[in-house]
C-alpha atoms as a PDB file:
ATOM      1  CA  MET A   1     107.421  55.311 -20.266  1.00  0.00           C
ATOM      2  CA  LYS A   2     107.649  54.094 -16.362  1.00  0.00           C
ATOM      3  CA  GLN A   3     109.155  51.074 -16.165  1.00  0.00           C
ATOM      4  CA  TYR A   4     107.693  48.254 -12.880  1.00  0.00           C
ATOM      5  CA  HIS A   5     109.449  45.191 -12.230  1.00  0.00           C
ATOM      6  CA  VAL A   6     107.391  42.504 -11.970  1.00  0.00           C
ATOM      7  CA  GLU A   7     106.378  39.476  -9.044  1.00  0.00           C
ATOM      8  CA  ILE A   8     105.001  36.547  -9.107  1.00  0.00           C
ATOM      9  CA  LEU A   9     103.848  35.281  -5.635  1.00  0.00           C
ATOM     10  CA  ASP A  10     104.051  32.193  -4.048  1.00  0.00           C
ATOM     11  CA  GLU A  11     100.038  31.738  -4.462  1.00  0.00           C
ATOM     12  CA  ALA A  12     100.216  32.888  -8.330  1.00  0.00           C
ATOM     13  CA  ILE A  13     103.045  30.278  -8.786  1.00  0.00           C
ATOM     14  CA  ASN A  14     101.540  27.307  -7.156  1.00  0.00           C
ATOM     15  CA  GLU A  15      98.453  28.165  -9.639  1.00  0.00           C
ATOM     16  CA  LEU A  16     100.743  28.214 -12.675  1.00  0.00           C
ATOM     17  CA  GLU A  17     102.454  24.875 -11.611  1.00  0.00           C
ATOM     18  CA  GLY A  18      98.808  23.073 -11.195  1.00  0.00           C
ATOM     19  CA  PHE A  19      97.717  23.921 -15.157  1.00  0.00           C
ATOM     20  CA  VAL A  20     101.269  23.134 -16.328  1.00  0.00           C
ATOM     21  CA  ASP A  21     100.545  19.473 -14.163  1.00  0.00           C
ATOM     22  CA  TYR A  22      97.196  19.613 -15.769  1.00  0.00           C
ATOM     23  CA  ILE A  23      97.932  20.380 -19.358  1.00  0.00           C
ATOM     24  CA  ALA A  24     100.667  17.817 -19.234  1.00  0.00           C
ATOM     25  CA  GLU A  25      98.781  15.032 -18.806  1.00  0.00           C
ATOM     26  CA  ASP A  26      97.462  15.178 -22.509  1.00  0.00           C
ATOM     27  CA  SER A  27     100.962  16.889 -23.181  1.00  0.00           C
ATOM     28  CA  VAL A  28     104.342  17.603 -21.870  1.00  0.00           C
ATOM     29  CA  ILE A  29     104.916  20.163 -24.917  1.00  0.00           C
ATOM     30  CA  ASN A  30     101.058  21.760 -24.885  1.00  0.00           C
ATOM     31  CA  ALA A  31     101.988  22.086 -21.394  1.00  0.00           C
ATOM     32  CA  LEU A  32     105.233  23.841 -21.549  1.00  0.00           C
ATOM     33  CA  ASN A  33     104.035  26.164 -24.683  1.00  0.00           C
ATOM     34  CA  TRP A  34     100.841  27.172 -22.205  1.00  0.00           C
ATOM     35  CA  TYR A  35     102.923  27.883 -19.585  1.00  0.00           C
ATOM     36  CA  GLU A  36     106.047  30.081 -22.494  1.00  0.00           C
ATOM     37  CA  ARG A  37     102.741  32.007 -23.411  1.00  0.00           C
ATOM     38  CA  VAL A  38     101.334  33.184 -20.288  1.00  0.00           C
ATOM     39  CA  LYS A  39     104.645  33.698 -18.796  1.00  0.00           C
ATOM     40  CA  LYS A  40     105.331  36.242 -21.567  1.00  0.00           C
ATOM     41  CA  ALA A  41     102.184  38.200 -20.863  1.00  0.00           C
ATOM     42  CA  ILE A  42     102.575  38.649 -17.622  1.00  0.00           C
ATOM     43  CA  PHE A  43     105.764  40.455 -18.017  1.00  0.00           C
ATOM     44  CA  THR A  44     104.465  42.548 -20.520  1.00  0.00           C
ATOM     45  CA  LEU A  45     103.158  43.990 -17.405  1.00  0.00           C
ATOM     46  CA  ASP A  46     106.011  45.787 -16.755  1.00  0.00           C
ATOM     47  CA  LYS A  47     105.029  48.411 -18.867  1.00  0.00           C
ATOM     48  CA  MET A  48     101.889  50.067 -18.404  1.00  0.00           C
ATOM     49  CA  PRO A  49     100.631  47.505 -16.443  1.00  0.00           C
ATOM     50  CA  GLU A  50      97.173  50.235 -15.805  1.00  0.00           C
ATOM     51  CA  ARG A  51      96.016  48.836 -19.431  1.00  0.00           C
ATOM     52  CA  HIS A  52      94.416  46.166 -18.361  1.00  0.00           C
ATOM     53  CA  SER A  53      90.662  46.144 -16.221  1.00  0.00           C
ATOM     54  CA  ILE A  54      89.720  46.479 -12.954  1.00  0.00           C
ATOM     55  CA  ALA A  55      88.667  43.258 -11.635  1.00  0.00           C
ATOM     56  CA  ASP A  56      85.598  41.944 -10.828  1.00  0.00           C
ATOM     57  CA  GLU A  57      86.975  41.073  -7.444  1.00  0.00           C
ATOM     58  CA  ASN A  58      88.281  44.371  -7.096  1.00  0.00           C
ATOM     59  CA  PRO A  59      84.911  45.693  -4.419  1.00  0.00           C
ATOM     60  CA  VAL A  60      86.435  42.842  -1.734  1.00  0.00           C
ATOM     61  CA  PHE A  61      89.838  43.657  -1.519  1.00  0.00           C
ATOM     62  CA  PRO A  62      92.237  46.946  -0.120  1.00  0.00           C
ATOM     63  CA  PHE A  63      93.505  47.649  -2.909  1.00  0.00           C
ATOM     64  CA  GLU A  64      93.135  47.766  -6.919  1.00  0.00           C
ATOM     65  CA  LEU A  65      92.722  44.684  -8.684  1.00  0.00           C
ATOM     66  CA  ARG A  66      93.124  44.142 -12.045  1.00  0.00           C
ATOM     67  CA  CYS A  67      93.124  41.383 -14.281  1.00  0.00           C
ATOM     68  CA  LEU A  68      95.070  40.403 -17.853  1.00  0.00           C
ATOM     69  CA  LEU A  69      92.989  37.969 -20.258  1.00  0.00           C
ATOM     70  CA  VAL A  70      95.671  35.367 -21.512  1.00  0.00           C
ATOM     71  CA  GLU A  71      93.394  33.041 -23.502  1.00  0.00           C
ATOM     72  CA  ASP A  72      90.524  31.785 -21.661  1.00  0.00           C
ATOM     73  CA  TYR A  73      92.888  32.235 -18.209  1.00  0.00           C
ATOM     74  CA  ARG A  74      92.584  35.323 -15.419  1.00  0.00           C
ATOM     75  CA  VAL A  75      96.264  36.638 -14.219  1.00  0.00           C
ATOM     76  CA  LEU A  76      95.113  39.047 -11.371  1.00  0.00           C
ATOM     77  CA  TYR A  77      97.523  41.803 -10.119  1.00  0.00           C
ATOM     78  CA  ARG A  78      97.524  44.512  -7.839  1.00  0.00           C
ATOM     79  CA  ILE A  79      99.982  47.771  -8.531  1.00  0.00           C
ATOM     80  CA  ASN A  80     102.208  48.456  -5.869  1.00  0.00           C
ATOM     81  CA  GLY A  81     104.413  50.795  -6.153  1.00  0.00           C
ATOM     82  CA  ASP A  82     107.189  50.488  -8.685  1.00  0.00           C
ATOM     83  CA  THR A  83     105.740  46.852  -8.709  1.00  0.00           C
ATOM     84  CA  VAL A  84     103.675  45.280 -10.155  1.00  0.00           C
ATOM     85  CA  GLU A  85     102.390  41.947  -7.915  1.00  0.00           C
ATOM     86  CA  VAL A  86     100.584  39.000  -9.981  1.00  0.00           C
ATOM     87  CA  LEU A  87      98.674  37.575  -6.964  1.00  0.00           C
ATOM     88  CA  HIS A  88      96.734  34.719  -8.748  1.00  0.00           C
ATOM     89  CA  VAL A  89      96.204  32.795 -12.181  1.00  0.00           C
ATOM     90  CA  LYS A  90      92.512  31.989 -13.107  1.00  0.00           C
ATOM     91  CA  HIS A  91      90.991  29.497 -15.488  1.00  0.00           C
ATOM     92  CA  PRO A  92      86.973  30.659 -16.064  1.00  0.00           C
ATOM     93  CA  ARG A  93      85.909  27.231 -14.141  1.00  0.00           C
ATOM     94  CA  MET A  94      87.159  28.487 -10.739  1.00  0.00           C
ATOM     95  CA  ASN A  95      84.948  30.693  -8.845  1.00  0.00           C
ATOM     96  CA  ARG A  96      86.039  34.113  -8.393  1.00  0.00           C
END
């Protein structure tokens, strides 16, 4: 089975940090637990990243955009050779 390198790009890191900060306003423990669950799910993309569906936003991108669902959050990524690039992490209340 092919192994991919998973890279979380700066924009996605900023979005993750924003969600952690927001959740931490109510509970630091919940924020850290949420972050660990999302991070763990993201790093499962090292194997068979094409198993997740094409994102609704795909038609507006010049590459294939895929979507990993983690709880209520959408992790948007692309496969670029042997690398999975995580581009965004979105909450359902955010515009697509």
